[in-house]
Amino acid sequence: GTVPLSLATADTAAVRIAFAPPAAGRYTALLTVTSDDPDEPTR
């Protein structure tokens, strides 16, 4: 619920990410952040 959000110069924000494995084993994933960064709109 914190998105969208706005950050001024040098401001920071913390958004909590959860890991809840459904079964035993190794998991990996990519989290994607979309913004109006003109050089990298997605990171």
PDB file of all heavy atoms in Angstrom:
ATOM      1  N   GLY A   1       0.778  -1.223   0.000  1.00  0.00           N
ATOM      2  CA  GLY A   1       0.000   0.000   0.000  1.00  0.00           C
ATOM      3  C   GLY A   1       0.812   1.277   0.000  1.00  0.00           C
ATOM      4  O   GLY A   1       0.249   2.376  -0.087  1.00  0.00           O
ATOM      5  N   THR A   2       2.155   1.178   0.118  1.00  0.00           N
ATOM      6  CA  THR A   2       2.982   2.388   0.162  1.00  0.00           C
ATOM      7  C   THR A   2       3.282   2.939  -1.223  1.00  0.00           C
ATOM      8  O   THR A   2       3.830   4.035  -1.352  1.00  0.00           O
ATOM      9  CB  THR A   2       4.318   2.097   0.865  1.00  0.00           C
ATOM     10  OG1 THR A   2       5.018   1.074   0.142  1.00  0.00           O
ATOM     11  CG2 THR A   2       4.078   1.645   2.298  1.00  0.00           C
ATOM     12  N   VAL A   3       2.993   2.196  -2.265  1.00  0.00           N
ATOM     13  CA  VAL A   3       3.282   2.625  -3.641  1.00  0.00           C
ATOM     14  C   VAL A   3       1.992   3.121  -4.274  1.00  0.00           C
ATOM     15  O   VAL A   3       0.933   2.487  -4.115  1.00  0.00           O
ATOM     16  CB  VAL A   3       3.869   1.445  -4.445  1.00  0.00           C
ATOM     17  CG1 VAL A   3       4.140   1.865  -5.893  1.00  0.00           C
ATOM     18  CG2 VAL A   3       5.132   0.930  -3.775  1.00  0.00           C
ATOM     19  N   PRO A   4       2.029   4.248  -5.019  1.00  0.00           N
ATOM     20  CA  PRO A   4       3.226   5.026  -5.382  1.00  0.00           C
ATOM     21  C   PRO A   4       3.724   5.885  -4.228  1.00  0.00           C
ATOM     22  O   PRO A   4       2.985   6.198  -3.307  1.00  0.00           O
ATOM     23  CB  PRO A   4       2.730   5.884  -6.533  1.00  0.00           C
ATOM     24  CG  PRO A   4       1.275   6.069  -6.255  1.00  0.00           C
ATOM     25  CD  PRO A   4       0.803   4.782  -5.649  1.00  0.00           C
ATOM     26  N   LEU A   5       5.007   6.280  -4.342  1.00  0.00           N
ATOM     27  CA  LEU A   5       5.599   7.160  -3.329  1.00  0.00           C
ATOM     28  C   LEU A   5       6.563   8.124  -4.006  1.00  0.00           C
ATOM     29  O   LEU A   5       7.066   7.856  -5.102  1.00  0.00           O
ATOM     30  CB  LEU A   5       6.298   6.354  -2.234  1.00  0.00           C
ATOM     31  CG  LEU A   5       7.405   5.360  -2.609  1.00  0.00           C
ATOM     32  CD1 LEU A   5       8.756   6.044  -2.703  1.00  0.00           C
ATOM     33  CD2 LEU A   5       7.476   4.243  -1.565  1.00  0.00           C
ATOM     34  N   SER A   6       6.818   9.265  -3.343  1.00  0.00           N
ATOM     35  CA  SER A   6       7.691  10.308  -3.885  1.00  0.00           C
ATOM     36  C   SER A   6       8.850  10.554  -2.927  1.00  0.00           C
ATOM     37  O   SER A   6       8.664  10.622  -1.707  1.00  0.00           O
ATOM     38  CB  SER A   6       6.908  11.608  -4.093  1.00  0.00           C
ATOM     39  OG  SER A   6       5.881  11.432  -5.051  1.00  0.00           O
ATOM     40  N   LEU A   7      10.039  10.728  -3.510  1.00  0.00           N
ATOM     41  CA  LEU A   7      11.243  10.952  -2.719  1.00  0.00           C
ATOM     42  C   LEU A   7      11.946  12.212  -3.210  1.00  0.00           C
ATOM     43  O   LEU A   7      12.245  12.343  -4.406  1.00  0.00           O
ATOM     44  CB  LEU A   7      12.202   9.770  -2.835  1.00  0.00           C
ATOM     45  CG  LEU A   7      11.698   8.402  -2.344  1.00  0.00           C
ATOM     46  CD1 LEU A   7      12.740   7.329  -2.640  1.00  0.00           C
ATOM     47  CD2 LEU A   7      11.398   8.461  -0.867  1.00  0.00           C
ATOM     48  N   ALA A   8      12.234  13.143  -2.287  1.00  0.00           N
ATOM     49  CA  ALA A   8      13.029  14.320  -2.622  1.00  0.00           C
ATOM     50  C   ALA A   8      14.507  13.930  -2.683  1.00  0.00           C
ATOM     51  O   ALA A   8      14.882  12.792  -2.378  1.00  0.00           O
ATOM     52  CB  ALA A   8      12.798  15.407  -1.585  1.00  0.00           C
ATOM     53  N   THR A   9      15.353  14.863  -3.065  1.00  0.00           N
ATOM     54  CA  THR A   9      16.784  14.594  -3.197  1.00  0.00           C
ATOM     55  C   THR A   9      17.361  14.035  -1.895  1.00  0.00           C
ATOM     56  O   THR A   9      17.161  14.603  -0.814  1.00  0.00           O
ATOM     57  CB  THR A   9      17.542  15.877  -3.562  1.00  0.00           C
ATOM     58  OG1 THR A   9      17.045  16.371  -4.797  1.00  0.00           O
ATOM     59  CG2 THR A   9      19.033  15.627  -3.672  1.00  0.00           C
ATOM     60  N   ALA A  10      18.031  12.901  -1.990  1.00  0.00           N
ATOM     61  CA  ALA A  10      18.699  12.211  -0.881  1.00  0.00           C
ATOM     62  C   ALA A  10      17.724  11.609   0.123  1.00  0.00           C
ATOM     63  O   ALA A  10      18.150  11.083   1.147  1.00  0.00           O
ATOM     64  CB  ALA A  10      19.691  13.129  -0.168  1.00  0.00           C
ATOM     65  N   ASP A  11      16.418  11.668  -0.150  1.00  0.00           N
ATOM     66  CA  ASP A  11      15.457  11.028   0.738  1.00  0.00           C
ATOM     67  C   ASP A  11      15.485   9.513   0.553  1.00  0.00           C
ATOM     68  O   ASP A  11      15.838   9.003  -0.524  1.00  0.00           O
ATOM     69  CB  ASP A  11      14.045  11.537   0.468  1.00  0.00           C
ATOM     70  CG  ASP A  11      13.741  12.796   1.253  1.00  0.00           C
ATOM     71  OD1 ASP A  11      14.617  13.233   2.018  1.00  0.00           O
ATOM     72  OD2 ASP A  11      12.638  13.344   1.095  1.00  0.00           O
ATOM     73  N   THR A  12      15.079   8.793   1.602  1.00  0.00           N
ATOM     74  CA  THR A  12      15.015   7.329   1.543  1.00  0.00           C
ATOM     75  C   THR A  12      13.631   6.870   1.991  1.00  0.00           C
ATOM     76  O   THR A  12      12.897   7.589   2.664  1.00  0.00           O
ATOM     77  CB  THR A  12      16.071   6.691   2.458  1.00  0.00           C
ATOM     78  OG1 THR A  12      15.812   7.060   3.808  1.00  0.00           O
ATOM     79  CG2 THR A  12      17.479   7.125   2.075  1.00  0.00           C
ATOM     80  N   ALA A  13      13.300   5.654   1.584  1.00  0.00           N
ATOM     81  CA  ALA A  13      12.057   5.012   2.027  1.00  0.00           C
ATOM     82  C   ALA A  13      12.317   3.524   2.131  1.00  0.00           C
ATOM     83  O   ALA A  13      13.098   2.952   1.357  1.00  0.00           O
ATOM     84  CB  ALA A  13      10.918   5.295   1.053  1.00  0.00           C
ATOM     85  N   ALA A  14      11.661   2.893   3.093  1.00  0.00           N
ATOM     86  CA  ALA A  14      11.815   1.452   3.299  1.00  0.00           C
ATOM     87  C   ALA A  14      10.491   0.764   2.985  1.00  0.00           C
ATOM     88  O   ALA A  14       9.452   1.118   3.541  1.00  0.00           O
ATOM     89  CB  ALA A  14      12.246   1.154   4.725  1.00  0.00           C
ATOM     90  N   VAL A  15      10.548  -0.212   2.082  1.00  0.00           N
ATOM     91  CA  VAL A  15       9.369  -1.010   1.725  1.00  0.00           C
ATOM     92  C   VAL A  15       9.692  -2.462   2.073  1.00  0.00           C
ATOM     93  O   VAL A  15      10.661  -3.035   1.569  1.00  0.00           O
ATOM     94  CB  VAL A  15       9.032  -0.880   0.232  1.00  0.00           C
ATOM     95  CG1 VAL A  15       7.838  -1.761  -0.115  1.00  0.00           C
ATOM     96  CG2 VAL A  15       8.763   0.579  -0.129  1.00  0.00           C
ATOM     97  N   ARG A  16       8.872  -3.050   2.952  1.00  0.00           N
ATOM     98  CA  ARG A  16       9.174  -4.407   3.409  1.00  0.00           C
ATOM     99  C   ARG A  16       8.771  -5.454   2.373  1.00  0.00           C
ATOM    100  O   ARG A  16       7.674  -5.412   1.827  1.00  0.00           O
ATOM    101  CB  ARG A  16       8.484  -4.682   4.738  1.00  0.00           C
ATOM    102  CG  ARG A  16       9.089  -3.919   5.911  1.00  0.00           C
ATOM    103  CD  ARG A  16       8.370  -4.208   7.213  1.00  0.00           C
ATOM    104  NE  ARG A  16       6.996  -3.710   7.182  1.00  0.00           N
ATOM    105  CZ  ARG A  16       6.130  -3.874   8.181  1.00  0.00           C
ATOM    106  NH1 ARG A  16       6.495  -4.562   9.269  1.00  0.00           N
ATOM    107  NH2 ARG A  16       4.908  -3.394   8.104  1.00  0.00           N
ATOM    108  N   ILE A  17       9.717  -6.377   2.150  1.00  0.00           N
ATOM    109  CA  ILE A  17       9.502  -7.505   1.243  1.00  0.00           C
ATOM    110  C   ILE A  17       9.474  -8.778   2.086  1.00  0.00           C
ATOM    111  O   ILE A  17      10.271  -8.943   3.013  1.00  0.00           O
ATOM    112  CB  ILE A  17      10.624  -7.586   0.184  1.00  0.00           C
ATOM    113  CG1 ILE A  17      10.816  -6.224  -0.499  1.00  0.00           C
ATOM    114  CG2 ILE A  17      10.322  -8.679  -0.827  1.00  0.00           C
ATOM    115  CD1 ILE A  17       9.574  -5.709  -1.209  1.00  0.00           C
ATOM    116  N   ALA A  18       8.547  -9.681   1.762  1.00  0.00           N
ATOM    117  CA  ALA A  18       8.377 -10.898   2.556  1.00  0.00           C
ATOM    118  C   ALA A  18       8.794 -12.124   1.767  1.00  0.00           C
ATOM    119  O   ALA A  18       8.640 -12.192   0.536  1.00  0.00           O
ATOM    120  CB  ALA A  18       6.927 -11.036   2.996  1.00  0.00           C
ATOM    121  N   PHE A  19       9.316 -13.121   2.477  1.00  0.00           N
ATOM    122  CA  PHE A  19       9.631 -14.442   1.921  1.00  0.00           C
ATOM    123  C   PHE A  19       8.856 -15.463   2.734  1.00  0.00           C
ATOM    124  O   PHE A  19       9.041 -15.603   3.937  1.00  0.00           O
ATOM    125  CB  PHE A  19      11.131 -14.697   2.001  1.00  0.00           C
ATOM    126  CG  PHE A  19      11.550 -16.093   1.616  1.00  0.00           C
ATOM    127  CD1 PHE A  19      11.101 -16.674   0.429  1.00  0.00           C
ATOM    128  CD2 PHE A  19      12.390 -16.835   2.438  1.00  0.00           C
ATOM    129  CE1 PHE A  19      11.487 -17.962   0.066  1.00  0.00           C
ATOM    130  CE2 PHE A  19      12.790 -18.125   2.082  1.00  0.00           C
ATOM    131  CZ  PHE A  19      12.334 -18.675   0.891  1.00  0.00           C
ATOM    132  N   ALA A  20       7.929 -16.168   2.049  1.00  0.00           N
ATOM    133  CA  ALA A  20       7.100 -17.191   2.698  1.00  0.00           C
ATOM    134  C   ALA A  20       7.130 -18.429   1.814  1.00  0.00           C
ATOM    135  O   ALA A  20       6.272 -18.610   0.923  1.00  0.00           O
ATOM    136  CB  ALA A  20       5.679 -16.691   2.889  1.00  0.00           C
ATOM    137  N   PRO A  21       8.099 -19.332   1.988  1.00  0.00           N
ATOM    138  CA  PRO A  21       8.234 -20.488   1.088  1.00  0.00           C
ATOM    139  C   PRO A  21       7.073 -21.470   1.245  1.00  0.00           C
ATOM    140  O   PRO A  21       6.717 -21.844   2.376  1.00  0.00           O
ATOM    141  CB  PRO A  21       9.562 -21.110   1.532  1.00  0.00           C
ATOM    142  CG  PRO A  21       9.730 -20.676   2.954  1.00  0.00           C
ATOM    143  CD  PRO A  21       9.128 -19.324   3.041  1.00  0.00           C
ATOM    144  N   PRO A  22       6.463 -21.898   0.140  1.00  0.00           N
ATOM    145  CA  PRO A  22       5.351 -22.868   0.226  1.00  0.00           C
ATOM    146  C   PRO A  22       5.827 -24.294   0.461  1.00  0.00           C
ATOM    147  O   PRO A  22       5.060 -25.138   0.927  1.00  0.00           O
ATOM    148  CB  PRO A  22       4.684 -22.728  -1.136  1.00  0.00           C
ATOM    149  CG  PRO A  22       5.780 -22.289  -2.052  1.00  0.00           C
ATOM    150  CD  PRO A  22       6.673 -21.415  -1.241  1.00  0.00           C
ATOM    151  N   ALA A  23       7.087 -24.574   0.140  1.00  0.00           N
ATOM    152  CA  ALA A  23       7.610 -25.931   0.309  1.00  0.00           C
ATOM    153  C   ALA A  23       9.107 -25.839   0.534  1.00  0.00           C
ATOM    154  O   ALA A  23       9.721 -24.795   0.303  1.00  0.00           O
ATOM    155  CB  ALA A  23       7.311 -26.777  -0.943  1.00  0.00           C
ATOM    156  N   ALA A  24       9.682 -26.953   0.970  1.00  0.00           N
ATOM    157  CA  ALA A  24      11.119 -26.980   1.187  1.00  0.00           C
ATOM    158  C   ALA A  24      11.845 -26.848  -0.140  1.00  0.00           C
ATOM    159  O   ALA A  24      11.407 -27.372  -1.159  1.00  0.00           O
ATOM    160  CB  ALA A  24      11.521 -28.267   1.903  1.00  0.00           C
ATOM    161  N   GLY A  25      12.964 -26.121  -0.126  1.00  0.00           N
ATOM    162  CA  GLY A  25      13.747 -25.955  -1.332  1.00  0.00           C
ATOM    163  C   GLY A  25      14.289 -24.545  -1.464  1.00  0.00           C
ATOM    164  O   GLY A  25      13.979 -23.640  -0.682  1.00  0.00           O
ATOM    165  N   ARG A  26      15.108 -24.357  -2.506  1.00  0.00           N
ATOM    166  CA  ARG A  26      15.750 -23.064  -2.753  1.00  0.00           C
ATOM    167  C   ARG A  26      14.875 -22.232  -3.678  1.00  0.00           C
ATOM    168  O   ARG A  26      14.344 -22.732  -4.680  1.00  0.00           O
ATOM    169  CB  ARG A  26      17.121 -23.288  -3.415  1.00  0.00           C
ATOM    170  CG  ARG A  26      17.952 -22.037  -3.585  1.00  0.00           C
ATOM    171  CD  ARG A  26      18.464 -21.527  -2.257  1.00  0.00           C
ATOM    172  NE  ARG A  26      19.293 -20.335  -2.407  1.00  0.00           N
ATOM    173  CZ  ARG A  26      19.674 -19.565  -1.406  1.00  0.00           C
ATOM    174  NH1 ARG A  26      19.304 -19.888  -0.174  1.00  0.00           N
ATOM    175  NH2 ARG A  26      20.410 -18.513  -1.623  1.00  0.00           N
ATOM    176  N   TYR A  27      14.733 -20.934  -3.356  1.00  0.00           N
ATOM    177  CA  TYR A  27      13.904 -20.032  -4.163  1.00  0.00           C
ATOM    178  C   TYR A  27      14.718 -18.796  -4.550  1.00  0.00           C
ATOM    179  O   TYR A  27      15.503 -18.275  -3.762  1.00  0.00           O
ATOM    180  CB  TYR A  27      12.669 -19.579  -3.374  1.00  0.00           C
ATOM    181  CG  TYR A  27      11.689 -20.669  -3.075  1.00  0.00           C
ATOM    182  CD1 TYR A  27      11.855 -21.494  -1.970  1.00  0.00           C
ATOM    183  CD2 TYR A  27      10.576 -20.875  -3.905  1.00  0.00           C
ATOM    184  CE1 TYR A  27      10.953 -22.504  -1.695  1.00  0.00           C
ATOM    185  CE2 TYR A  27       9.662 -21.881  -3.625  1.00  0.00           C
ATOM    186  CZ  TYR A  27       9.842 -22.696  -2.519  1.00  0.00           C
ATOM    187  OH  TYR A  27       8.953 -23.695  -2.248  1.00  0.00           O
ATOM    188  N   THR A  28      14.500 -18.338  -5.777  1.00  0.00           N
ATOM    189  CA  THR A  28      15.070 -17.073  -6.242  1.00  0.00           C
ATOM    190  C   THR A  28      14.004 -16.336  -7.042  1.00  0.00           C
ATOM    191  O   THR A  28      13.089 -16.948  -7.603  1.00  0.00           O
ATOM    192  CB  THR A  28      16.311 -17.282  -7.134  1.00  0.00           C
ATOM    193  OG1 THR A  28      15.951 -18.060  -8.281  1.00  0.00           O
ATOM    194  CG2 THR A  28      17.429 -17.964  -6.354  1.00  0.00           C
ATOM    195  N   ALA A  29      14.138 -15.026  -7.099  1.00  0.00           N
ATOM    196  CA  ALA A  29      13.195 -14.218  -7.867  1.00  0.00           C
ATOM    197  C   ALA A  29      13.796 -12.832  -8.084  1.00  0.00           C
ATOM    198  O   ALA A  29      14.751 -12.429  -7.411  1.00  0.00           O
ATOM    199  CB  ALA A  29      11.867 -14.104  -7.125  1.00  0.00           C
ATOM    200  N   LEU A  30      13.245 -12.115  -9.053  1.00  0.00           N
ATOM    201  CA  LEU A  30      13.621 -10.726  -9.299  1.00  0.00           C
ATOM    202  C   LEU A  30      12.498  -9.815  -8.836  1.00  0.00           C
ATOM    203  O   LEU A  30      11.335 -10.017  -9.207  1.00  0.00           O
ATOM    204  CB  LEU A  30      13.900 -10.487 -10.776  1.00  0.00           C
ATOM    205  CG  LEU A  30      15.225 -10.997 -11.336  1.00  0.00           C
ATOM    206  CD1 LEU A  30      15.340 -10.643 -12.821  1.00  0.00           C
ATOM    207  CD2 LEU A  30      16.410 -10.380 -10.581  1.00  0.00           C
ATOM    208  N   LEU A  31      12.869  -8.836  -8.028  1.00  0.00           N
ATOM    209  CA  LEU A  31      11.933  -7.788  -7.636  1.00  0.00           C
ATOM    210  C   LEU A  31      12.186  -6.586  -8.553  1.00  0.00           C
ATOM    211  O   LEU A  31      13.331  -6.178  -8.736  1.00  0.00           O
ATOM    212  CB  LEU A  31      12.146  -7.419  -6.172  1.00  0.00           C
ATOM    213  CG  LEU A  31      11.269  -6.309  -5.591  1.00  0.00           C
ATOM    214  CD1 LEU A  31      10.944  -6.609  -4.146  1.00  0.00           C
ATOM    215  CD2 LEU A  31      11.958  -4.953  -5.685  1.00  0.00           C
ATOM    216  N   THR A  32      11.146  -6.029  -9.123  1.00  0.00           N
ATOM    217  CA  THR A  32      11.285  -4.933 -10.081  1.00  0.00           C
ATOM    218  C   THR A  32      10.639  -3.674  -9.521  1.00  0.00           C
ATOM    219  O   THR A  32       9.516  -3.700  -9.026  1.00  0.00           O
ATOM    220  CB  THR A  32      10.622  -5.285 -11.417  1.00  0.00           C
ATOM    221  OG1 THR A  32      11.240  -6.473 -11.936  1.00  0.00           O
ATOM    222  CG2 THR A  32      10.791  -4.153 -12.416  1.00  0.00           C
ATOM    223  N   VAL A  33      11.417  -2.569  -9.584  1.00  0.00           N
ATOM    224  CA  VAL A  33      10.929  -1.270  -9.145  1.00  0.00           C
ATOM    225  C   VAL A  33      10.821  -0.363 -10.365  1.00  0.00           C
ATOM    226  O   VAL A  33      11.781  -0.208 -11.125  1.00  0.00           O
ATOM    227  CB  VAL A  33      11.865  -0.634  -8.107  1.00  0.00           C
ATOM    228  CG1 VAL A  33      11.336   0.730  -7.658  1.00  0.00           C
ATOM    229  CG2 VAL A  33      12.042  -1.559  -6.901  1.00  0.00           C
ATOM    230  N   THR A  34       9.638   0.228 -10.546  1.00  0.00           N
ATOM    231  CA  THR A  34       9.392   1.139 -11.670  1.00  0.00           C
ATOM    232  C   THR A  34       9.302   2.572 -11.137  1.00  0.00           C
ATOM    233  O   THR A  34       8.632   2.837 -10.139  1.00  0.00           O
ATOM    234  CB  THR A  34       8.088   0.775 -12.384  1.00  0.00           C
ATOM    235  OG1 THR A  34       8.153  -0.600 -12.806  1.00  0.00           O
ATOM    236  CG2 THR A  34       7.850   1.679 -13.583  1.00  0.00           C
ATOM    237  N   SER A  35      10.005   3.492 -11.804  1.00  0.00           N
ATOM    238  CA  SER A  35      10.017   4.892 -11.355  1.00  0.00           C
ATOM    239  C   SER A  35      10.178   5.802 -12.568  1.00  0.00           C
ATOM    240  O   SER A  35      10.269   5.341 -13.714  1.00  0.00           O
ATOM    241  CB  SER A  35      11.167   5.127 -10.375  1.00  0.00           C
ATOM    242  OG  SER A  35      12.412   5.121 -11.060  1.00  0.00           O
ATOM    243  N   ASP A  36      10.245   7.128 -12.314  1.00  0.00           N
ATOM    244  CA  ASP A  36      10.470   8.073 -13.410  1.00  0.00           C
ATOM    245  C   ASP A  36      11.949   8.447 -13.523  1.00  0.00           C
ATOM    246  O   ASP A  36      12.289   9.537 -14.002  1.00  0.00           O
ATOM    247  CB  ASP A  36       9.618   9.330 -13.232  1.00  0.00           C
ATOM    248  CG  ASP A  36       9.915  10.072 -11.942  1.00  0.00           C
ATOM    249  OD1 ASP A  36      10.669   9.535 -11.100  1.00  0.00           O
ATOM    250  OD2 ASP A  36       9.402  11.200 -11.771  1.00  0.00           O
ATOM    251  N   ASP A  37      12.829   7.553 -13.079  1.00  0.00           N
ATOM    252  CA  ASP A  37      14.272   7.704 -13.308  1.00  0.00           C
ATOM    253  C   ASP A  37      14.495   7.732 -14.813  1.00  0.00           C
ATOM    254  O   ASP A  37      14.183   6.749 -15.520  1.00  0.00           O
ATOM    255  CB  ASP A  37      15.010   6.523 -12.673  1.00  0.00           C
ATOM    256  CG  ASP A  37      16.528   6.587 -12.871  1.00  0.00           C
ATOM    257  OD1 ASP A  37      16.992   7.249 -13.815  1.00  0.00           O
ATOM    258  OD2 ASP A  37      17.242   5.944 -12.079  1.00  0.00           O
ATOM    259  N   PRO A  38      15.016   8.833 -15.395  1.00  0.00           N
ATOM    260  CA  PRO A  38      15.123   8.922 -16.858  1.00  0.00           C
ATOM    261  C   PRO A  38      16.136   7.964 -17.462  1.00  0.00           C
ATOM    262  O   PRO A  38      16.041   7.617 -18.637  1.00  0.00           O
ATOM    263  CB  PRO A  38      15.542  10.381 -17.088  1.00  0.00           C
ATOM    264  CG  PRO A  38      16.184  10.805 -15.818  1.00  0.00           C
ATOM    265  CD  PRO A  38      15.479  10.068 -14.733  1.00  0.00           C
ATOM    266  N   ASP A  39      17.110   7.510 -16.680  1.00  0.00           N
ATOM    267  CA  ASP A  39      18.126   6.597 -17.210  1.00  0.00           C
ATOM    268  C   ASP A  39      17.714   5.135 -17.079  1.00  0.00           C
ATOM    269  O   ASP A  39      17.963   4.328 -17.969  1.00  0.00           O
ATOM    270  CB  ASP A  39      19.465   6.817 -16.496  1.00  0.00           C
ATOM    271  CG  ASP A  39      20.080   8.169 -16.812  1.00  0.00           C
ATOM    272  OD1 ASP A  39      19.884   8.660 -17.939  1.00  0.00           O
ATOM    273  OD2 ASP A  39      20.744   8.740 -15.924  1.00  0.00           O
ATOM    274  N   GLU A  40      17.083   4.779 -15.977  1.00  0.00           N
ATOM    275  CA  GLU A  40      16.661   3.400 -15.745  1.00  0.00           C
ATOM    276  C   GLU A  40      15.247   3.401 -15.174  1.00  0.00           C
ATOM    277  O   GLU A  40      15.068   3.377 -13.952  1.00  0.00           O
ATOM    278  CB  GLU A  40      17.617   2.684 -14.781  1.00  0.00           C
ATOM    279  CG  GLU A  40      19.001   2.416 -15.332  1.00  0.00           C
ATOM    280  CD  GLU A  40      19.843   1.595 -14.361  1.00  0.00           C
ATOM    281  OE1 GLU A  40      19.803   0.353 -14.450  1.00  0.00           O
ATOM    282  OE2 GLU A  40      20.505   2.199 -13.507  1.00  0.00           O
ATOM    283  N   PRO A  41      14.253   3.420 -15.997  1.00  0.00           N
ATOM    284  CA  PRO A  41      12.862   3.431 -15.509  1.00  0.00           C
ATOM    285  C   PRO A  41      12.527   2.208 -14.675  1.00  0.00           C
ATOM    286  O   PRO A  41      11.649   2.271 -13.807  1.00  0.00           O
ATOM    287  CB  PRO A  41      12.029   3.486 -16.783  1.00  0.00           C
ATOM    288  CG  PRO A  41      12.950   3.998 -17.838  1.00  0.00           C
ATOM    289  CD  PRO A  41      14.317   3.506 -17.472  1.00  0.00           C
ATOM    290  N   THR A  42      13.193   1.084 -14.956  1.00  0.00           N
ATOM    291  CA  THR A  42      12.980  -0.110 -14.138  1.00  0.00           C
ATOM    292  C   THR A  42      14.329  -0.620 -13.651  1.00  0.00           C
ATOM    293  O   THR A  42      15.308  -0.641 -14.411  1.00  0.00           O
ATOM    294  CB  THR A  42      12.262  -1.222 -14.915  1.00  0.00           C
ATOM    295  OG1 THR A  42      13.050  -1.589 -16.060  1.00  0.00           O
ATOM    296  CG2 THR A  42      10.889  -0.769 -15.365  1.00  0.00           C
ATOM    297  N   ARG A  43      14.363  -1.006 -12.383  1.00  0.00           N
ATOM    298  CA  ARG A  43      15.576  -1.591 -11.805  1.00  0.00           C
ATOM    299  C   ARG A  43      15.170  -2.804 -10.988  1.00  0.00           C
ATOM    300  O   ARG A  43      14.060  -2.868 -10.441  1.00  0.00           O
ATOM    301  CB  ARG A  43      16.319  -0.596 -10.916  1.00  0.00           C
ATOM    302  CG  ARG A  43      16.978   0.540 -11.692  1.00  0.00           C
ATOM    303  CD  ARG A  43      17.963   1.279 -10.792  1.00  0.00           C
ATOM    304  NE  ARG A  43      19.032   0.380 -10.348  1.00  0.00           N
ATOM    305  CZ  ARG A  43      19.944   0.728  -9.422  1.00  0.00           C
ATOM    306  NH1 ARG A  43      19.862   1.926  -8.857  1.00  0.00           N
ATOM    307  NH2 ARG A  43      20.887  -0.116  -9.081  1.00  0.00           N
TER     308      ARG A  43
END
